[in-house]
Amino acid sequence: MQLGLPFVDDSHAAPTSDSALAPTRVRTLAPTRVRPIAPTGVSPLAPTRVRTLAPTSVIPIAPTSDTPIAPPARNGSIYFVRHRRARRYLLRVEHDGRVRVTIPRGGSQREADAFVQRHTAWVARQRARLTPSAFGPEERAALRERARAELPPRLMEIAAEQGLSVTGVSIRNQRTRWGSCGRDGSISLNWRLVLMPAAVRDYVLIHELMHLKRLDHSPAYWKLVAAACPGYREARQWLRSNGPALR
């Protein structure tokens, strides 16, 4: 049976849309641009700079005992001693013309030399006042015997007046002192005291006796001396002026 429909030849028709699927278009992705990361600001640490410390300067401590710290000058005219209790530089012209320079604790040889240079005029005046010893060996021996006979009894007499007790008395040929007092109550006296006026001699004896009460030279000590010897200032002045000629 033939229907009245026209015959259509579709063998040459274009394919429909639901025929074979067209291939998907795939775009090839460009490779990702990888930028190298710059190095951070942290770079290898520079080596620590180590400064070599200079060695500490060590100055040997000078001895503090009362002994020469420098050999005497070639002519023996000046010598230096360091005394740990001295508070300032001191000059003393000895009976033979030598100059003793005392350096205080913490002082230096250089400062001591400068100190001497500043006082050369004073040293010259002191040396000019010195006189050669008028006593020969026999006279000295006789004077020492006289000192042994006279000085201890006078010392004991003054000690009794002051209510003091002396454990012993000795007569010596001291070069830098007129007397000394020990902690044990013993007193040493220079034989040259017999060459002094009686008032000056008694001042020296009282000076040493007062050390039995105070073994120092504090203001309290000098009050004791003044009470026992009102004219002690005049006696001290006599010793400064005339003592070097007796040594």
C-alpha atoms as a PDB file:
ATOM      1  CA  MET A   1       0.000   0.000   0.000  1.00  0.00           C
ATOM      2  CA  GLN A   2       1.357   3.263  -0.926  1.00  0.00           C
ATOM      3  CA  LEU A   3       0.588   6.326   0.943  1.00  0.00           C
ATOM      4  CA  GLY A   4       0.375   9.534  -0.878  1.00  0.00           C
ATOM      5  CA  LEU A   5       3.552  10.921   0.675  1.00  0.00           C
ATOM      6  CA  PRO A   6       6.348  12.185  -1.418  1.00  0.00           C
ATOM      7  CA  PHE A   7       9.395  10.141  -1.453  1.00  0.00           C
ATOM      8  CA  VAL A   8      12.415  11.816   0.058  1.00  0.00           C
ATOM      9  CA  ASP A   9      15.897  10.499  -0.489  1.00  0.00           C
ATOM     10  CA  ASP A  10      17.870  11.419   2.663  1.00  0.00           C
ATOM     11  CA  SER A  11      20.924   9.482   1.935  1.00  0.00           C
ATOM     12  CA  HIS A  12      22.754  12.652   1.128  1.00  0.00           C
ATOM     13  CA  ALA A  13      21.362  14.730   4.002  1.00  0.00           C
ATOM     14  CA  ALA A  14      23.632  16.540   6.369  1.00  0.00           C
ATOM     15  CA  PRO A  15      24.056  14.838   9.611  1.00  0.00           C
ATOM     16  CA  THR A  16      21.884  15.991  12.420  1.00  0.00           C
ATOM     17  CA  SER A  17      23.056  17.663  15.433  1.00  0.00           C
ATOM     18  CA  ASP A  18      22.699  14.560  17.482  1.00  0.00           C
ATOM     19  CA  SER A  19      24.814  12.529  15.308  1.00  0.00           C
ATOM     20  CA  ALA A  20      28.374  11.803  16.276  1.00  0.00           C
ATOM     21  CA  LEU A  21      29.636  14.291  18.936  1.00  0.00           C
ATOM     22  CA  ALA A  22      32.137  16.793  17.704  1.00  0.00           C
ATOM     23  CA  PRO A  23      35.491  16.522  19.493  1.00  0.00           C
ATOM     24  CA  THR A  24      35.903  18.883  22.465  1.00  0.00           C
ATOM     25  CA  ARG A  25      38.296  21.708  21.769  1.00  0.00           C
ATOM     26  CA  VAL A  26      41.081  21.439  24.270  1.00  0.00           C
ATOM     27  CA  ARG A  27      43.338  24.443  24.623  1.00  0.00           C
ATOM     28  CA  THR A  28      46.799  23.599  25.603  1.00  0.00           C
ATOM     29  CA  LEU A  29      47.605  25.695  28.699  1.00  0.00           C
ATOM     30  CA  ALA A  30      50.715  27.666  28.468  1.00  0.00           C
ATOM     31  CA  PRO A  31      53.214  26.563  31.073  1.00  0.00           C
ATOM     32  CA  THR A  32      52.977  28.553  34.286  1.00  0.00           C
ATOM     33  CA  ARG A  33      55.634  31.174  34.468  1.00  0.00           C
ATOM     34  CA  VAL A  34      57.611  30.437  37.507  1.00  0.00           C
ATOM     35  CA  ARG A  35      59.644  33.414  38.634  1.00  0.00           C
ATOM     36  CA  PRO A  36      62.584  32.459  40.742  1.00  0.00           C
ATOM     37  CA  ILE A  37      62.169  33.965  44.185  1.00  0.00           C
ATOM     38  CA  ALA A  38      64.861  36.437  44.962  1.00  0.00           C
ATOM     39  CA  PRO A  39      66.838  35.491  47.985  1.00  0.00           C
ATOM     40  CA  THR A  40      65.670  37.177  51.166  1.00  0.00           C
ATOM     41  CA  GLY A  41      67.733  39.773  52.960  1.00  0.00           C
ATOM     42  CA  VAL A  42      69.040  37.153  55.267  1.00  0.00           C
ATOM     43  CA  SER A  43      72.467  36.480  54.032  1.00  0.00           C
ATOM     44  CA  PRO A  44      75.096  34.414  55.697  1.00  0.00           C
ATOM     45  CA  LEU A  45      76.128  36.141  58.946  1.00  0.00           C
ATOM     46  CA  ALA A  46      79.418  37.875  58.756  1.00  0.00           C
ATOM     47  CA  PRO A  47      81.867  36.520  61.281  1.00  0.00           C
ATOM     48  CA  THR A  48      81.799  38.409  64.570  1.00  0.00           C
ATOM     49  CA  ARG A  49      84.671  40.832  64.838  1.00  0.00           C
ATOM     50  CA  VAL A  50      86.657  39.962  67.898  1.00  0.00           C
ATOM     51  CA  ARG A  51      89.058  42.586  69.118  1.00  0.00           C
ATOM     52  CA  THR A  52      92.026  41.241  70.876  1.00  0.00           C
ATOM     53  CA  LEU A  53      92.252  42.995  74.242  1.00  0.00           C
ATOM     54  CA  ALA A  54      95.538  44.548  75.054  1.00  0.00           C
ATOM     55  CA  PRO A  55      97.175  42.950  78.054  1.00  0.00           C
ATOM     56  CA  THR A  56      96.403  44.678  81.329  1.00  0.00           C
ATOM     57  CA  SER A  57      99.234  46.881  82.427  1.00  0.00           C
ATOM     58  CA  VAL A  58     100.423  45.596  85.781  1.00  0.00           C
ATOM     59  CA  ILE A  59     102.602  47.921  87.779  1.00  0.00           C
ATOM     60  CA  PRO A  60     104.549  46.194  90.520  1.00  0.00           C
ATOM     61  CA  ILE A  61     103.572  47.551  93.927  1.00  0.00           C
ATOM     62  CA  ALA A  62     106.467  49.237  95.578  1.00  0.00           C
ATOM     63  CA  PRO A  63     107.357  48.009  99.051  1.00  0.00           C
ATOM     64  CA  THR A  64     105.626  49.850 101.872  1.00  0.00           C
ATOM     65  CA  SER A  65     108.250  49.297 104.521  1.00  0.00           C
ATOM     66  CA  ASP A  66     110.497  52.120 105.541  1.00  0.00           C
ATOM     67  CA  THR A  67     113.398  50.948 103.423  1.00  0.00           C
ATOM     68  CA  PRO A  68     115.240  52.601 100.547  1.00  0.00           C
ATOM     69  CA  ILE A  69     113.401  52.090  97.264  1.00  0.00           C
ATOM     70  CA  ALA A  70     116.181  53.511  95.160  1.00  0.00           C
ATOM     71  CA  PRO A  71     119.920  53.258  95.662  1.00  0.00           C
ATOM     72  CA  PRO A  72     121.535  56.405  96.999  1.00  0.00           C
ATOM     73  CA  ALA A  73     122.981  58.805  94.502  1.00  0.00           C
ATOM     74  CA  ARG A  74     126.528  58.144  93.432  1.00  0.00           C
ATOM     75  CA  ASN A  75     127.758  60.836  95.777  1.00  0.00           C
ATOM     76  CA  GLY A  76     125.459  59.586  98.542  1.00  0.00           C
ATOM     77  CA  SER A  77     123.803  63.005  98.855  1.00  0.00           C
ATOM     78  CA  ILE A  78     120.175  61.993  98.252  1.00  0.00           C
ATOM     79  CA  TYR A  79     118.278  58.821  99.047  1.00  0.00           C
ATOM     80  CA  PHE A  80     114.620  57.904  98.908  1.00  0.00           C
ATOM     81  CA  VAL A  81     112.462  55.892 101.281  1.00  0.00           C
ATOM     82  CA  ARG A  82     108.811  54.925 101.062  1.00  0.00           C
ATOM     83  CA  HIS A  83     106.743  55.101 104.239  1.00  0.00           C
ATOM     84  CA  ARG A  84     103.251  53.619 104.218  1.00  0.00           C
ATOM     85  CA  ARG A  85     101.993  55.984 106.930  1.00  0.00           C
ATOM     86  CA  ALA A  86     103.340  59.178 105.353  1.00  0.00           C
ATOM     87  CA  ARG A  87     100.645  61.447 103.916  1.00  0.00           C
ATOM     88  CA  ARG A  88     102.863  63.715 101.866  1.00  0.00           C
ATOM     89  CA  TYR A  89     106.371  64.025 100.467  1.00  0.00           C
ATOM     90  CA  LEU A  90     108.940  65.002 103.077  1.00  0.00           C
ATOM     91  CA  LEU A  91     112.525  66.257 102.967  1.00  0.00           C
ATOM     92  CA  ARG A  92     115.057  65.941 105.744  1.00  0.00           C
ATOM     93  CA  VAL A  93     118.684  67.002 105.721  1.00  0.00           C
ATOM     94  CA  GLU A  94     120.723  64.583 107.803  1.00  0.00           C
ATOM     95  CA  HIS A  95     123.576  65.607 110.087  1.00  0.00           C
ATOM     96  CA  ASP A  96     126.094  64.516 107.436  1.00  0.00           C
ATOM     97  CA  GLY A  97     124.438  66.582 104.701  1.00  0.00           C
ATOM     98  CA  ARG A  98     122.575  63.757 103.006  1.00  0.00           C
ATOM     99  CA  VAL A  99     118.993  64.442 101.972  1.00  0.00           C
ATOM    100  CA  ARG A 100     116.332  61.922 102.929  1.00  0.00           C
ATOM    101  CA  VAL A 101     113.210  62.033 100.748  1.00  0.00           C
ATOM    102  CA  THR A 102     110.126  60.292 102.136  1.00  0.00           C
ATOM    103  CA  ILE A 103     107.594  59.075  99.568  1.00  0.00           C
ATOM    104  CA  PRO A 104     104.029  58.590 100.845  1.00  0.00           C
ATOM    105  CA  ARG A 105     101.894  55.604 100.089  1.00  0.00           C
ATOM    106  CA  GLY A 106     100.762  55.868  96.482  1.00  0.00           C
ATOM    107  CA  GLY A 107     103.566  58.286  95.576  1.00  0.00           C
ATOM    108  CA  SER A 108     106.056  57.793  92.775  1.00  0.00           C
ATOM    109  CA  GLN A 109     109.774  58.211  92.209  1.00  0.00           C
ATOM    110  CA  ARG A 110     109.114  60.763  89.464  1.00  0.00           C
ATOM    111  CA  GLU A 111     107.028  62.965  91.766  1.00  0.00           C
ATOM    112  CA  ALA A 112     109.654  62.610  94.482  1.00  0.00           C
ATOM    113  CA  ASP A 113     112.380  63.807  92.104  1.00  0.00           C
ATOM    114  CA  ALA A 114     110.246  66.804  91.123  1.00  0.00           C
ATOM    115  CA  PHE A 115     109.594  67.533  94.795  1.00  0.00           C
ATOM    116  CA  VAL A 116     113.325  67.658  95.481  1.00  0.00           C
ATOM    117  CA  GLN A 117     113.911  69.956  92.505  1.00  0.00           C
ATOM    118  CA  ARG A 118     111.309  72.417  93.801  1.00  0.00           C
ATOM    119  CA  HIS A 119     113.061  72.637  97.164  1.00  0.00           C
ATOM    120  CA  THR A 120     116.728  72.765  96.203  1.00  0.00           C
ATOM    121  CA  ALA A 121     117.083  76.248  97.719  1.00  0.00           C
ATOM    122  CA  TRP A 122     115.718  75.024 101.048  1.00  0.00           C
ATOM    123  CA  VAL A 123     118.095  72.053 101.018  1.00  0.00           C
ATOM    124  CA  ALA A 124     121.038  74.381 100.370  1.00  0.00           C
ATOM    125  CA  ARG A 125     120.064  76.580 103.323  1.00  0.00           C
ATOM    126  CA  GLN A 126     119.743  73.589 105.634  1.00  0.00           C
ATOM    127  CA  ARG A 127     123.113  72.213 104.586  1.00  0.00           C
ATOM    128  CA  ALA A 128     124.729  75.588 105.158  1.00  0.00           C
ATOM    129  CA  ARG A 129     123.626  75.459 108.796  1.00  0.00           C
ATOM    130  CA  LEU A 130     125.331  72.158 109.471  1.00  0.00           C
ATOM    131  CA  THR A 131     128.632  72.186 111.337  1.00  0.00           C
ATOM    132  CA  PRO A 132     131.131  69.335 111.595  1.00  0.00           C
ATOM    133  CA  SER A 133     131.008  67.359 114.816  1.00  0.00           C
ATOM    134  CA  ALA A 134     133.269  68.893 117.444  1.00  0.00           C
ATOM    135  CA  PHE A 135     133.616  65.633 119.356  1.00  0.00           C
ATOM    136  CA  GLY A 136     136.239  63.004 118.819  1.00  0.00           C
ATOM    137  CA  PRO A 137     135.816  59.301 119.678  1.00  0.00           C
ATOM    138  CA  GLU A 138     137.020  59.706 123.273  1.00  0.00           C
ATOM    139  CA  GLU A 139     134.773  62.689 123.915  1.00  0.00           C
ATOM    140  CA  ARG A 140     131.796  60.832 122.493  1.00  0.00           C
ATOM    141  CA  ALA A 141     132.450  57.875 124.746  1.00  0.00           C
ATOM    142  CA  ALA A 142     132.649  60.172 127.768  1.00  0.00           C
ATOM    143  CA  LEU A 143     129.386  61.900 126.826  1.00  0.00           C
ATOM    144  CA  ARG A 144     127.615  58.579 126.473  1.00  0.00           C
ATOM    145  CA  GLU A 145     128.727  57.590 129.935  1.00  0.00           C
ATOM    146  CA  ARG A 146     127.455  60.894 131.227  1.00  0.00           C
ATOM    147  CA  ALA A 147     124.106  60.270 129.495  1.00  0.00           C
ATOM    148  CA  ARG A 148     123.791  56.848 131.154  1.00  0.00           C
ATOM    149  CA  ALA A 149     124.381  58.453 134.524  1.00  0.00           C
ATOM    150  CA  GLU A 150     122.077  61.471 134.120  1.00  0.00           C
ATOM    151  CA  LEU A 151     119.209  60.691 131.787  1.00  0.00           C
ATOM    152  CA  PRO A 152     117.556  57.596 133.359  1.00  0.00           C
ATOM    153  CA  PRO A 153     117.255  59.167 136.850  1.00  0.00           C
ATOM    154  CA  ARG A 154     115.756  62.347 135.401  1.00  0.00           C
ATOM    155  CA  LEU A 155     113.315  60.326 133.298  1.00  0.00           C
ATOM    156  CA  MET A 156     112.171  58.341 136.323  1.00  0.00           C
ATOM    157  CA  GLU A 157     111.767  61.533 138.329  1.00  0.00           C
ATOM    158  CA  ILE A 158     109.443  63.076 135.742  1.00  0.00           C
ATOM    159  CA  ALA A 159     107.571  59.767 135.356  1.00  0.00           C
ATOM    160  CA  ALA A 160     106.875  59.711 139.085  1.00  0.00           C
ATOM    161  CA  GLU A 161     105.574  63.291 138.924  1.00  0.00           C
ATOM    162  CA  GLN A 162     103.190  62.281 136.131  1.00  0.00           C
ATOM    163  CA  GLY A 163     102.129  59.041 137.799  1.00  0.00           C
ATOM    164  CA  LEU A 164     103.629  56.900 135.051  1.00  0.00           C
ATOM    165  CA  SER A 165     105.523  53.623 135.177  1.00  0.00           C
ATOM    166  CA  VAL A 166     108.518  52.923 132.914  1.00  0.00           C
ATOM    167  CA  THR A 167     109.608  49.321 132.385  1.00  0.00           C
ATOM    168  CA  GLY A 168     113.130  50.129 131.199  1.00  0.00           C
ATOM    169  CA  VAL A 169     115.471  52.853 129.942  1.00  0.00           C
ATOM    170  CA  SER A 170     118.258  52.507 127.382  1.00  0.00           C
ATOM    171  CA  ILE A 171     120.799  55.005 126.032  1.00  0.00           C
ATOM    172  CA  ARG A 172     121.446  54.762 122.299  1.00  0.00           C
ATOM    173  CA  ASN A 173     123.250  56.418 119.451  1.00  0.00           C
ATOM    174  CA  GLN A 174     120.099  57.145 117.445  1.00  0.00           C
ATOM    175  CA  ARG A 175     120.685  58.949 114.169  1.00  0.00           C
ATOM    176  CA  THR A 176     117.221  60.311 113.404  1.00  0.00           C
ATOM    177  CA  ARG A 177     115.429  60.371 116.776  1.00  0.00           C
ATOM    178  CA  TRP A 178     115.947  61.995 120.142  1.00  0.00           C
ATOM    179  CA  GLY A 179     114.021  59.219 121.822  1.00  0.00           C
ATOM    180  CA  SER A 180     111.455  56.470 121.345  1.00  0.00           C
ATOM    181  CA  CYS A 181     108.821  54.663 123.380  1.00  0.00           C
ATOM    182  CA  GLY A 182     107.922  50.998 122.991  1.00  0.00           C
ATOM    183  CA  ARG A 183     104.530  49.393 123.465  1.00  0.00           C
ATOM    184  CA  ASP A 184     105.966  47.483 126.418  1.00  0.00           C
ATOM    185  CA  GLY A 185     106.629  50.729 128.299  1.00  0.00           C
ATOM    186  CA  SER A 186     110.374  50.862 127.636  1.00  0.00           C
ATOM    187  CA  ILE A 187     111.987  54.141 126.558  1.00  0.00           C
ATOM    188  CA  SER A 188     115.167  54.723 124.543  1.00  0.00           C
ATOM    189  CA  LEU A 189     117.030  58.042 124.729  1.00  0.00           C
ATOM    190  CA  ASN A 190     119.670  59.607 122.522  1.00  0.00           C
ATOM    191  CA  TRP A 191     122.896  60.287 124.426  1.00  0.00           C
ATOM    192  CA  ARG A 192     123.086  63.745 122.800  1.00  0.00           C
ATOM    193  CA  LEU A 193     120.311  64.954 125.086  1.00  0.00           C
ATOM    194  CA  VAL A 194     123.020  65.858 127.612  1.00  0.00           C
ATOM    195  CA  LEU A 195     124.234  68.530 125.168  1.00  0.00           C
ATOM    196  CA  MET A 196     120.904  70.392 125.246  1.00  0.00           C
ATOM    197  CA  PRO A 197     119.551  72.991 127.639  1.00  0.00           C
ATOM    198  CA  ALA A 198     117.713  71.387 130.561  1.00  0.00           C
ATOM    199  CA  ALA A 199     114.308  72.655 129.396  1.00  0.00           C
ATOM    200  CA  VAL A 200     114.766  71.126 125.954  1.00  0.00           C
ATOM    201  CA  ARG A 201     116.036  67.853 127.404  1.00  0.00           C
ATOM    202  CA  ASP A 202     113.048  67.645 129.744  1.00  0.00           C
ATOM    203  CA  TYR A 203     110.672  68.270 126.847  1.00  0.00           C
ATOM    204  CA  VAL A 204     112.100  65.254 125.012  1.00  0.00           C
ATOM    205  CA  LEU A 205     111.724  63.111 128.126  1.00  0.00           C
ATOM    206  CA  ILE A 206     108.128  64.265 128.619  1.00  0.00           C
ATOM    207  CA  HIS A 207     107.422  63.707 124.919  1.00  0.00           C
ATOM    208  CA  GLU A 208     108.356  60.037 125.262  1.00  0.00           C
ATOM    209  CA  LEU A 209     106.618  59.615 128.607  1.00  0.00           C
ATOM    210  CA  MET A 210     103.305  60.874 127.199  1.00  0.00           C
ATOM    211  CA  HIS A 211     103.475  58.049 124.679  1.00  0.00           C
ATOM    212  CA  LEU A 212     102.824  55.738 127.605  1.00  0.00           C
ATOM    213  CA  LYS A 213      99.333  57.251 127.624  1.00  0.00           C
ATOM    214  CA  ARG A 214      98.845  57.627 123.877  1.00  0.00           C
ATOM    215  CA  LEU A 215     101.098  55.922 121.364  1.00  0.00           C
ATOM    216  CA  ASP A 216     100.394  58.398 118.576  1.00  0.00           C
ATOM    217  CA  HIS A 217     100.699  62.096 117.710  1.00  0.00           C
ATOM    218  CA  SER A 218      97.011  62.948 117.679  1.00  0.00           C
ATOM    219  CA  PRO A 219      95.596  66.264 119.008  1.00  0.00           C
ATOM    220  CA  ALA A 220      94.726  64.442 122.227  1.00  0.00           C
ATOM    221  CA  TYR A 221      98.381  63.428 122.596  1.00  0.00           C
ATOM    222  CA  TRP A 222      99.640  66.998 122.179  1.00  0.00           C
ATOM    223  CA  LYS A 223      97.197  68.168 124.835  1.00  0.00           C
ATOM    224  CA  LEU A 224      98.901  65.762 127.233  1.00  0.00           C
ATOM    225  CA  VAL A 225     102.320  67.172 126.280  1.00  0.00           C
ATOM    226  CA  ALA A 226     101.122  70.762 126.705  1.00  0.00           C
ATOM    227  CA  ALA A 227      99.736  70.013 130.159  1.00  0.00           C
ATOM    228  CA  ALA A 228     102.985  68.393 131.317  1.00  0.00           C
ATOM    229  CA  CYS A 229     105.340  70.826 129.493  1.00  0.00           C
ATOM    230  CA  PRO A 230     103.767  74.257 128.846  1.00  0.00           C
ATOM    231  CA  GLY A 231     106.879  75.488 127.006  1.00  0.00           C
ATOM    232  CA  TYR A 232     107.078  72.571 124.593  1.00  0.00           C
ATOM    233  CA  ARG A 233     106.661  74.763 121.492  1.00  0.00           C
ATOM    234  CA  GLU A 234     109.801  76.741 122.312  1.00  0.00           C
ATOM    235  CA  ALA A 235     111.677  73.497 122.954  1.00  0.00           C
ATOM    236  CA  ARG A 236     110.598  72.088 119.602  1.00  0.00           C
ATOM    237  CA  GLN A 237     111.760  75.232 117.862  1.00  0.00           C
ATOM    238  CA  TRP A 238     115.152  74.948 119.550  1.00  0.00           C
ATOM    239  CA  LEU A 239     115.458  71.379 118.282  1.00  0.00           C
ATOM    240  CA  ARG A 240     114.623  72.427 114.732  1.00  0.00           C
ATOM    241  CA  SER A 241     117.211  75.183 114.803  1.00  0.00           C
ATOM    242  CA  ASN A 242     120.038  73.548 116.716  1.00  0.00           C
ATOM    243  CA  GLY A 243     119.399  69.805 116.699  1.00  0.00           C
ATOM    244  CA  PRO A 244     121.117  69.025 113.351  1.00  0.00           C
ATOM    245  CA  ALA A 245     124.407  70.448 114.636  1.00  0.00           C
ATOM    246  CA  LEU A 246     124.392  67.955 117.522  1.00  0.00           C
ATOM    247  CA  ARG A 247     124.103  64.793 115.455  1.00  0.00           C
END
